[in-house]
């Protein structure tokens, strides 16, 4: 018997399905032309639609889960925080309606 340990086998289930492989393919194709922090599920879905044409698209939740498990930089989910807003217009003053002739109070009998 030799003292060498047997070679490690690949994990039985690495969760790589055809849909997840397509998501990763789209991510890395987009990553060649733009930073990872600008890539989200919308961009990945558009890339898949352009490349593969019609057909079933992976869900947003599958895209987010796949990117999170891969540990790649990506755009966060949800709306941007207020301090992250880009080119935000200054807030307008509140609109206060002014009546020229306010209604007269009704008289009760």
C-alpha atoms as a PDB file:
ATOM      1  CA  UNK A   1       0.000   0.000   0.000  1.00  0.00           C
ATOM      2  CA  UNK A   2       1.268   3.412  -0.839  1.00  0.00           C
ATOM      3  CA  UNK A   3       0.967   6.363   1.504  1.00  0.00           C
ATOM      4  CA  UNK A   4      -0.395   8.620  -1.264  1.00  0.00           C
ATOM      5  CA  UNK A   5      -4.005   9.696  -0.900  1.00  0.00           C
ATOM      6  CA  UNK A   6      -6.340   9.040  -3.800  1.00  0.00           C
ATOM      7  CA  UNK A   7      -7.127  11.945  -6.111  1.00  0.00           C
ATOM      8  CA  UNK A   8     -10.041  14.075  -5.001  1.00  0.00           C
ATOM      9  CA  UNK A   9     -13.134  13.502  -7.044  1.00  0.00           C
ATOM     10  CA  UNK A  10     -15.223  16.387  -8.334  1.00  0.00           C
ATOM     11  CA  UNK A  11     -18.290  17.179  -6.251  1.00  0.00           C
ATOM     12  CA  UNK A  12     -21.213  14.985  -7.118  1.00  0.00           C
ATOM     13  CA  UNK A  13     -23.529  17.949  -7.632  1.00  0.00           C
ATOM     14  CA  UNK A  14     -22.029  21.339  -8.446  1.00  0.00           C
ATOM     15  CA  UNK A  15     -25.490  22.740  -9.312  1.00  0.00           C
ATOM     16  CA  UNK A  16     -24.417  23.631 -12.855  1.00  0.00           C
ATOM     17  CA  UNK A  17     -27.471  23.232 -15.036  1.00  0.00           C
ATOM     18  CA  UNK A  18     -27.800  24.365 -18.662  1.00  0.00           C
ATOM     19  CA  UNK A  19     -29.674  27.477 -17.496  1.00  0.00           C
ATOM     20  CA  UNK A  20     -26.969  28.373 -14.954  1.00  0.00           C
ATOM     21  CA  UNK A  21     -24.246  27.753 -17.532  1.00  0.00           C
ATOM     22  CA  UNK A  22     -26.045  30.134 -19.895  1.00  0.00           C
ATOM     23  CA  UNK A  23     -26.216  32.790 -17.158  1.00  0.00           C
ATOM     24  CA  UNK A  24     -22.484  32.495 -16.506  1.00  0.00           C
ATOM     25  CA  UNK A  25     -21.741  32.581 -20.239  1.00  0.00           C
ATOM     26  CA  UNK A  26     -23.759  35.779 -20.559  1.00  0.00           C
ATOM     27  CA  UNK A  27     -22.084  37.326 -17.507  1.00  0.00           C
ATOM     28  CA  UNK A  28     -18.555  36.665 -18.747  1.00  0.00           C
ATOM     29  CA  UNK A  29     -19.403  37.853 -22.266  1.00  0.00           C
ATOM     30  CA  UNK A  30     -20.745  41.113 -20.835  1.00  0.00           C
ATOM     31  CA  UNK A  31     -17.810  41.348 -18.423  1.00  0.00           C
ATOM     32  CA  UNK A  32     -15.439  41.698 -21.386  1.00  0.00           C
ATOM     33  CA  UNK A  33     -16.991  45.048 -22.324  1.00  0.00           C
ATOM     34  CA  UNK A  34     -18.252  46.529 -19.038  1.00  0.00           C
ATOM     35  CA  UNK A  35     -17.449  46.431 -15.319  1.00  0.00           C
ATOM     36  CA  UNK A  36     -19.057  43.678 -13.274  1.00  0.00           C
ATOM     37  CA  UNK A  37     -20.777  46.149 -10.950  1.00  0.00           C
ATOM     38  CA  UNK A  38     -22.907  47.353 -13.879  1.00  0.00           C
ATOM     39  CA  UNK A  39     -24.159  43.879 -14.814  1.00  0.00           C
ATOM     40  CA  UNK A  40     -27.491  42.768 -13.402  1.00  0.00           C
ATOM     41  CA  UNK A  41     -30.226  40.335 -14.296  1.00  0.00           C
ATOM     42  CA  UNK A  42     -31.723  42.710 -16.887  1.00  0.00           C
ATOM     43  CA  UNK A  43     -28.484  42.950 -18.832  1.00  0.00           C
ATOM     44  CA  UNK A  44     -28.015  39.192 -18.708  1.00  0.00           C
ATOM     45  CA  UNK A  45     -31.566  38.551 -19.935  1.00  0.00           C
ATOM     46  CA  UNK A  46     -31.090  41.013 -22.819  1.00  0.00           C
ATOM     47  CA  UNK A  47     -27.796  39.350 -23.806  1.00  0.00           C
ATOM     48  CA  UNK A  48     -29.403  35.896 -23.799  1.00  0.00           C
ATOM     49  CA  UNK A  49     -32.367  37.171 -25.836  1.00  0.00           C
ATOM     50  CA  UNK A  50     -30.002  38.711 -28.430  1.00  0.00           C
ATOM     51  CA  UNK A  51     -27.771  35.638 -28.660  1.00  0.00           C
ATOM     52  CA  UNK A  52     -30.301  32.823 -28.420  1.00  0.00           C
ATOM     53  CA  UNK A  53     -33.377  34.484 -29.880  1.00  0.00           C
ATOM     54  CA  UNK A  54     -36.738  33.286 -28.713  1.00  0.00           C
ATOM     55  CA  UNK A  55     -37.021  30.672 -26.057  1.00  0.00           C
ATOM     56  CA  UNK A  56     -37.302  30.364 -22.338  1.00  0.00           C
ATOM     57  CA  UNK A  57     -35.218  32.828 -20.357  1.00  0.00           C
ATOM     58  CA  UNK A  58     -33.895  32.112 -16.865  1.00  0.00           C
ATOM     59  CA  UNK A  59     -35.761  33.867 -14.070  1.00  0.00           C
ATOM     60  CA  UNK A  60     -34.307  36.900 -12.316  1.00  0.00           C
ATOM     61  CA  UNK A  61     -34.010  34.945  -9.083  1.00  0.00           C
ATOM     62  CA  UNK A  62     -32.009  32.185 -10.805  1.00  0.00           C
ATOM     63  CA  UNK A  63     -29.686  34.777 -12.334  1.00  0.00           C
ATOM     64  CA  UNK A  64     -29.101  36.512  -8.987  1.00  0.00           C
ATOM     65  CA  UNK A  65     -28.574  33.193  -7.184  1.00  0.00           C
ATOM     66  CA  UNK A  66     -26.144  31.927  -9.831  1.00  0.00           C
ATOM     67  CA  UNK A  67     -24.054  35.095  -9.736  1.00  0.00           C
ATOM     68  CA  UNK A  68     -24.043  35.110  -5.929  1.00  0.00           C
ATOM     69  CA  UNK A  69     -22.908  31.481  -5.747  1.00  0.00           C
ATOM     70  CA  UNK A  70     -20.196  32.147  -8.332  1.00  0.00           C
ATOM     71  CA  UNK A  71     -18.946  35.016  -6.179  1.00  0.00           C
ATOM     72  CA  UNK A  72     -18.545  37.428  -9.082  1.00  0.00           C
ATOM     73  CA  UNK A  73     -18.910  41.204  -8.752  1.00  0.00           C
ATOM     74  CA  UNK A  74     -22.352  42.303  -9.855  1.00  0.00           C
ATOM     75  CA  UNK A  75     -24.826  45.133  -9.564  1.00  0.00           C
ATOM     76  CA  UNK A  76     -26.875  44.992  -6.406  1.00  0.00           C
ATOM     77  CA  UNK A  77     -30.554  44.203  -6.434  1.00  0.00           C
ATOM     78  CA  UNK A  78     -33.312  46.708  -5.798  1.00  0.00           C
ATOM     79  CA  UNK A  79     -33.402  50.432  -6.262  1.00  0.00           C
ATOM     80  CA  UNK A  80     -30.265  52.490  -5.723  1.00  0.00           C
ATOM     81  CA  UNK A  81     -29.941  54.187  -2.360  1.00  0.00           C
ATOM     82  CA  UNK A  82     -30.567  57.907  -2.196  1.00  0.00           C
ATOM     83  CA  UNK A  83     -26.867  58.729  -1.780  1.00  0.00           C
ATOM     84  CA  UNK A  84     -25.995  56.607  -4.830  1.00  0.00           C
ATOM     85  CA  UNK A  85     -28.293  58.502  -7.178  1.00  0.00           C
ATOM     86  CA  UNK A  86     -26.509  59.722 -10.275  1.00  0.00           C
ATOM     87  CA  UNK A  87     -27.255  63.166 -11.704  1.00  0.00           C
ATOM     88  CA  UNK A  88     -30.175  63.714  -9.361  1.00  0.00           C
ATOM     89  CA  UNK A  89     -32.103  66.860 -10.163  1.00  0.00           C
ATOM     90  CA  UNK A  90     -32.495  69.365  -7.321  1.00  0.00           C
ATOM     91  CA  UNK A  91     -35.729  69.001  -5.416  1.00  0.00           C
ATOM     92  CA  UNK A  92     -38.455  71.377  -6.488  1.00  0.00           C
ATOM     93  CA  UNK A  93     -40.231  73.438  -3.844  1.00  0.00           C
ATOM     94  CA  UNK A  94     -43.514  71.926  -2.702  1.00  0.00           C
ATOM     95  CA  UNK A  95     -46.564  72.959  -4.677  1.00  0.00           C
ATOM     96  CA  UNK A  96     -48.965  74.962  -2.560  1.00  0.00           C
ATOM     97  CA  UNK A  97     -52.257  75.695  -4.294  1.00  0.00           C
ATOM     98  CA  UNK A  98     -53.652  79.155  -3.650  1.00  0.00           C
ATOM     99  CA  UNK A  99     -57.318  79.912  -4.216  1.00  0.00           C
ATOM    100  CA  UNK A 100     -58.212  83.390  -5.341  1.00  0.00           C
ATOM    101  CA  UNK A 101     -61.667  83.271  -3.797  1.00  0.00           C
ATOM    102  CA  UNK A 102     -61.828  80.908  -0.855  1.00  0.00           C
ATOM    103  CA  UNK A 103     -65.246  79.335  -0.297  1.00  0.00           C
ATOM    104  CA  UNK A 104     -67.502  81.005   2.214  1.00  0.00           C
ATOM    105  CA  UNK A 105     -68.464  79.012   5.257  1.00  0.00           C
ATOM    106  CA  UNK A 106     -71.945  77.565   5.052  1.00  0.00           C
ATOM    107  CA  UNK A 107     -74.542  78.823   7.439  1.00  0.00           C
ATOM    108  CA  UNK A 108     -76.499  76.310   9.342  1.00  0.00           C
ATOM    109  CA  UNK A 109     -80.102  77.031  10.350  1.00  0.00           C
END
